[in-house]
Amino acid sequence: MSDQAQEMETILVVEDNEDVRLVLLTELEDEYEVLVATDGREGLDMAVLDVPDLVITDIMMPVLSGLELCKALKANEVTNHIPVVMLTARGKEDEQVEGLEVGANDYISKPFSIPILKMRIHNLLESRRNYRMLILQQLDKDGGIEAVSFEDRFMERVVKLVGDHMADPDFGVEQLAAKMNMADRTLQRKLKAMTDTTPQDVIRSMRLNRACDLLKNSSLSVSEVAYQTGYLEPTNFGRSFKKQFGFPPSQCRSEEGCE
């Protein structure tokens, strides 16, 4: 898949204490895009809408507690991949156990150290970046995802739907979003978080990887392969194929191609 321009990662801070919100915003805004919410309900709505890269939430909040927020995030297919850091009073081990039970990824005790908080954030985001690379490698290799966690099953659904409609030239982002029961914008943000690329690129890359496999392992002509992978015009297929692999489809049957 094509490399995507690096964008500033987004952190959602959910905190009802104005002073703590201001400290977090001030300390993080130079490195990240920071969104703020004043209670758990507002935080949940913002997380579903904006799909941030990480959430920092206090445990004790009005309307919806941090524990309830974390549980809701981890139960929602749109947000279940997002790392959650909980802010808790020092020594509240029972709160930490509850948080782990609902899927919290890390804890910071109040009053917290800014350098330690930043390092925890960095480590969690680095882990997510490594995970995205793994998914991209799997997609580029064979278009398949081995389901080892809940978010992997999301990608497995995407892969299956694209695979099932591979030959349909009209199957695009809108159709994929409808099959996934998501709005187009939500699918865009979820796949961006999971793969650091767009649904259009995922669909195109899967089509072309399948095409290369067919060219290597079947006697189909280039035109037949183009039609089977959703391209109405073989010339358009040829251009897209060369852009992705660096050589024309005809070379895929040579020793140098599609390796």
Protein backbone atom coordinates (compact mmCIF):
# COMPACT_ATOMS: atom_id res chain seq x y z
CA MET A 1 0.00 0.00 0.00
CA SER A 2 1.11 3.55 -0.58
CA ASP A 3 2.74 5.42 2.28
CA GLN A 4 0.45 7.89 4.02
CA ALA A 5 1.54 11.32 5.15
CA GLN A 6 2.27 11.41 8.84
CA GLU A 7 -0.38 13.30 10.77
CA MET A 8 -0.40 14.48 14.35
CA GLU A 9 -1.96 11.78 16.53
CA THR A 10 -5.11 12.67 18.47
CA ILE A 11 -5.61 12.33 22.22
CA LEU A 12 -9.02 12.72 23.83
CA VAL A 13 -8.84 14.00 27.41
CA VAL A 14 -11.98 13.25 29.44
CA GLU A 15 -11.74 15.06 32.77
CA ASP A 16 -14.27 17.03 34.81
CA ASN A 17 -11.63 18.95 36.76
CA GLU A 18 -10.86 22.14 34.85
CA ASP A 19 -7.36 22.54 36.31
CA VAL A 20 -6.35 18.99 35.37
CA ARG A 21 -7.80 19.44 31.87
CA LEU A 22 -5.77 22.60 31.41
CA VAL A 23 -2.56 20.94 32.58
CA LEU A 24 -3.04 18.00 30.21
CA LEU A 25 -3.95 20.25 27.30
CA THR A 26 -0.96 22.53 27.90
CA GLU A 27 1.52 19.67 28.27
CA LEU A 28 0.32 17.59 25.32
CA GLU A 29 -0.81 20.05 22.65
CA ASP A 30 2.69 20.60 21.21
CA GLU A 31 3.00 16.90 20.32
CA TYR A 32 -0.59 15.82 19.76
CA GLU A 33 -3.94 17.12 18.64
CA VAL A 34 -5.83 17.28 21.92
CA LEU A 35 -9.61 17.05 22.24
CA VAL A 36 -11.28 17.67 25.59
CA ALA A 37 -14.52 16.48 27.17
CA THR A 38 -15.87 17.40 30.60
CA ASP A 39 -17.70 14.18 31.44
CA GLY A 40 -17.88 10.55 30.37
CA ARG A 41 -20.98 10.90 28.20
CA GLU A 42 -19.48 13.77 26.22
CA GLY A 43 -16.24 11.81 25.98
CA LEU A 44 -18.00 8.73 24.61
CA ASP A 45 -19.85 10.76 21.98
CA MET A 46 -16.62 12.46 20.91
CA ALA A 47 -14.72 9.17 20.77
CA VAL A 48 -17.31 7.55 18.50
CA LEU A 49 -17.43 10.62 16.26
CA ASP A 50 -13.70 11.45 16.06
CA VAL A 51 -12.05 8.04 16.78
CA PRO A 52 -8.96 9.42 18.58
CA ASP A 53 -5.68 7.52 18.82
CA LEU A 54 -5.76 7.42 22.63
CA VAL A 55 -8.11 8.36 25.48
CA ILE A 56 -7.09 9.71 28.88
CA THR A 57 -9.92 9.62 31.38
CA ASP A 58 -10.43 10.24 35.08
CA ILE A 59 -12.20 7.41 36.87
CA MET A 60 -14.47 9.59 39.00
CA MET A 61 -16.68 11.76 36.77
CA PRO A 62 -20.32 12.86 36.56
CA VAL A 63 -22.89 11.49 34.10
CA LEU A 64 -20.67 8.57 33.04
CA SER A 65 -17.68 7.42 35.10
CA GLY A 66 -14.30 6.60 33.60
CA LEU A 67 -14.98 2.91 34.21
CA GLU A 68 -18.31 3.11 32.38
CA LEU A 69 -16.67 5.08 29.58
CA CYS A 70 -13.88 2.53 29.17
CA LYS A 71 -16.36 -0.35 29.15
CA ALA A 72 -18.46 1.40 26.49
CA LEU A 73 -15.40 2.14 24.33
CA LYS A 74 -14.18 -1.45 24.45
CA ALA A 75 -17.66 -2.78 23.63
CA ASN A 76 -18.07 -0.58 20.55
CA GLU A 77 -16.64 -1.90 17.28
CA VAL A 78 -15.78 1.65 16.22
CA THR A 79 -13.67 2.42 19.30
CA ASN A 80 -12.56 -0.92 20.77
CA HIS A 81 -9.00 -0.54 19.45
CA ILE A 82 -8.35 2.78 21.25
CA PRO A 83 -5.89 2.59 24.17
CA VAL A 84 -7.36 3.97 27.39
CA VAL A 85 -5.26 5.53 30.16
CA MET A 86 -7.06 6.01 33.47
CA LEU A 87 -6.27 8.65 36.05
CA THR A 88 -6.90 7.37 39.56
CA ALA A 89 -6.26 8.43 43.13
CA ARG A 90 -3.01 7.04 44.51
CA GLY A 91 -3.43 3.71 46.27
CA LYS A 92 -6.88 2.94 44.88
CA GLU A 93 -6.04 -0.64 43.87
CA ASP A 94 -9.71 -1.65 43.75
CA GLU A 95 -10.30 1.00 41.07
CA GLN A 96 -7.33 -0.30 39.07
CA VAL A 97 -8.67 -3.86 39.22
CA GLU A 98 -12.08 -2.66 38.03
CA GLY A 99 -10.42 -0.75 35.21
CA LEU A 100 -8.45 -3.77 34.06
CA GLU A 101 -11.65 -5.78 34.05
CA VAL A 102 -13.26 -3.36 31.58
CA GLY A 103 -10.17 -3.12 29.35
CA ALA A 104 -8.09 -0.16 30.57
CA ASN A 105 -4.59 -0.24 29.06
CA ASP A 106 -2.69 1.75 31.67
CA TYR A 107 -2.99 3.73 34.90
CA ILE A 108 -1.55 6.99 36.14
CA SER A 109 -1.93 7.85 39.82
CA LYS A 110 -2.73 11.39 40.90
CA PRO A 111 -0.83 13.58 41.37
CA PHE A 112 0.92 12.39 38.23
CA SER A 113 4.36 13.00 36.75
CA ILE A 114 4.16 14.66 33.32
CA PRO A 115 7.33 12.90 31.99
CA ILE A 116 5.98 9.52 33.09
CA LEU A 117 2.57 10.25 31.57
CA LYS A 118 4.19 11.26 28.28
CA MET A 119 6.29 8.09 28.21
CA ARG A 120 3.23 5.92 28.88
CA ILE A 121 1.39 7.66 26.05
CA HIS A 122 4.36 7.27 23.72
CA ASN A 123 4.65 3.55 24.48
CA LEU A 124 0.95 2.88 23.92
CA LEU A 125 0.90 4.79 20.63
CA GLU A 126 4.08 3.06 19.48
CA SER A 127 2.43 -0.28 20.19
CA ARG A 128 -0.54 0.77 18.05
CA ARG A 129 1.78 1.83 15.23
CA ASN A 130 3.51 -1.56 15.32
CA TYR A 131 0.13 -3.26 15.26
CA ARG A 132 -0.91 -1.27 12.19
CA MET A 133 2.28 -2.35 10.44
CA LEU A 134 1.46 -5.99 11.19
CA ILE A 135 -2.02 -5.63 9.68
CA LEU A 136 -0.62 -3.91 6.59
CA GLN A 137 1.93 -6.69 6.14
CA GLN A 138 -0.83 -9.29 6.35
CA LEU A 139 -2.98 -7.41 3.85
CA ASP A 140 -0.09 -6.94 1.43
CA LYS A 141 0.97 -10.56 1.75
CA ASP A 142 -2.24 -12.45 1.13
CA GLY A 143 -5.27 -10.29 1.89
CA GLY A 144 -6.09 -12.31 4.98
CA ILE A 145 -6.25 -11.49 8.68
CA GLU A 146 -5.69 -14.05 11.41
CA ALA A 147 -8.27 -13.25 14.09
CA VAL A 148 -6.38 -13.07 17.37
CA SER A 149 -8.37 -10.28 19.04
CA PHE A 150 -11.65 -8.43 18.72
CA GLU A 151 -10.30 -5.67 16.50
CA ASP A 152 -8.68 -8.26 14.25
CA ARG A 153 -12.13 -9.69 13.65
CA PHE A 154 -13.18 -6.25 12.44
CA MET A 155 -10.44 -6.39 9.82
CA GLU A 156 -11.38 -9.98 9.01
CA ARG A 157 -14.93 -8.79 8.23
CA VAL A 158 -13.56 -6.06 5.97
CA VAL A 159 -11.32 -8.54 4.15
CA LYS A 160 -14.15 -11.05 3.69
CA LEU A 161 -16.59 -8.46 2.37
CA VAL A 162 -14.09 -7.07 -0.12
CA GLY A 163 -13.15 -10.61 -1.14
CA ASP A 164 -16.78 -11.63 -1.62
CA HIS A 165 -17.36 -8.62 -3.92
CA MET A 166 -13.99 -8.64 -5.64
CA ALA A 167 -15.43 -8.91 -9.15
CA ASP A 168 -18.07 -6.21 -8.62
CA PRO A 169 -16.75 -2.94 -10.12
CA ASP A 170 -19.43 -0.98 -8.23
CA PHE A 171 -18.33 -2.24 -4.81
CA GLY A 172 -16.58 0.68 -3.13
CA VAL A 173 -16.39 2.55 0.16
CA GLU A 174 -20.11 3.35 0.31
CA GLN A 175 -21.08 -0.29 -0.24
CA LEU A 176 -18.48 -1.55 2.23
CA ALA A 177 -19.66 0.91 4.89
CA ALA A 178 -23.26 -0.20 4.40
CA LYS A 179 -22.29 -3.87 4.76
CA MET A 180 -20.36 -2.98 7.94
CA ASN A 181 -23.38 -1.03 9.27
CA MET A 182 -21.28 2.13 9.54
CA ALA A 183 -21.42 5.61 8.14
CA ASP A 184 -18.81 6.29 5.46
CA ARG A 185 -17.00 8.76 7.72
CA THR A 186 -16.90 6.27 10.60
CA LEU A 187 -15.46 3.55 8.39
CA GLN A 188 -12.87 6.00 7.10
CA ARG A 189 -11.74 6.86 10.63
CA LYS A 190 -11.78 3.27 11.89
CA LEU A 191 -9.72 1.96 8.98
CA LYS A 192 -7.36 4.90 9.27
CA ALA A 193 -6.81 3.92 12.89
CA MET A 194 -6.38 0.25 12.05
CA THR A 195 -4.24 0.52 8.92
CA ASP A 196 -3.13 4.17 8.63
CA THR A 197 -4.68 4.21 5.18
CA THR A 198 -8.08 4.73 3.57
CA PRO A 199 -10.87 2.29 2.70
CA GLN A 200 -10.27 3.13 -0.97
CA ASP A 201 -6.62 2.07 -0.64
CA VAL A 202 -7.55 -1.12 1.25
CA ILE A 203 -10.02 -2.15 -1.47
CA ARG A 204 -7.63 -1.27 -4.31
CA SER A 205 -4.68 -3.03 -2.70
CA MET A 206 -6.70 -6.19 -2.07
CA ARG A 207 -7.93 -6.22 -5.68
CA LEU A 208 -4.41 -5.85 -7.04
CA ASN A 209 -2.90 -8.42 -4.68
CA ARG A 210 -5.59 -10.88 -5.80
CA ALA A 211 -4.86 -9.99 -9.41
CA CYS A 212 -1.16 -10.69 -8.97
CA ASP A 213 -1.96 -14.03 -7.36
CA LEU A 214 -4.26 -14.97 -10.26
CA LEU A 215 -1.63 -13.98 -12.80
CA LYS A 216 0.95 -16.15 -11.07
CA ASN A 217 -1.21 -19.16 -10.44
CA SER A 218 -3.75 -19.37 -13.26
CA SER A 219 -3.88 -19.37 -17.03
CA LEU A 220 -6.27 -16.40 -17.15
CA SER A 221 -5.36 -13.56 -19.49
CA VAL A 222 -4.60 -10.10 -18.16
CA SER A 223 -8.02 -8.89 -19.31
CA GLU A 224 -9.78 -11.80 -17.60
CA VAL A 225 -7.91 -11.11 -14.37
CA ALA A 226 -8.85 -7.44 -14.62
CA TYR A 227 -12.54 -8.29 -14.90
CA GLN A 228 -12.37 -10.80 -12.04
CA THR A 229 -10.89 -8.17 -9.75
CA GLY A 230 -13.43 -5.45 -10.49
CA TYR A 231 -11.78 -3.50 -13.32
CA LEU A 232 -13.98 -2.72 -16.32
CA GLU A 233 -11.09 -1.34 -18.37
CA PRO A 234 -7.91 -3.46 -18.72
CA THR A 235 -5.93 -0.29 -19.48
CA ASN A 236 -6.99 1.23 -16.14
CA PHE A 237 -6.13 -2.07 -14.46
CA GLY A 238 -2.68 -2.01 -16.04
CA ARG A 239 -1.98 1.52 -14.81
CA SER A 240 -3.12 0.74 -11.27
CA PHE A 241 -1.17 -2.51 -11.22
CA LYS A 242 2.06 -0.87 -12.34
CA LYS A 243 1.61 1.96 -9.83
CA GLN A 244 1.33 -0.52 -6.96
CA PHE A 245 3.96 -3.07 -7.97
CA GLY A 246 6.30 -1.11 -10.19
CA PHE A 247 5.91 -3.36 -13.25
CA PRO A 248 3.08 -4.23 -15.69
CA PRO A 249 0.70 -7.19 -15.16
CA SER A 250 2.36 -9.15 -17.97
CA GLN A 251 5.58 -9.26 -15.96
CA CYS A 252 3.81 -10.96 -13.05
CA ARG A 253 4.30 -14.30 -14.78
CA SER A 254 8.04 -13.73 -15.10
CA GLU A 255 10.56 -14.68 -12.47
CA GLU A 256 11.04 -11.04 -11.48
CA GLY A 257 7.39 -10.14 -11.00
CA CYS A 258 5.05 -10.44 -8.03
CA GLU A 259 7.57 -11.81 -5.62
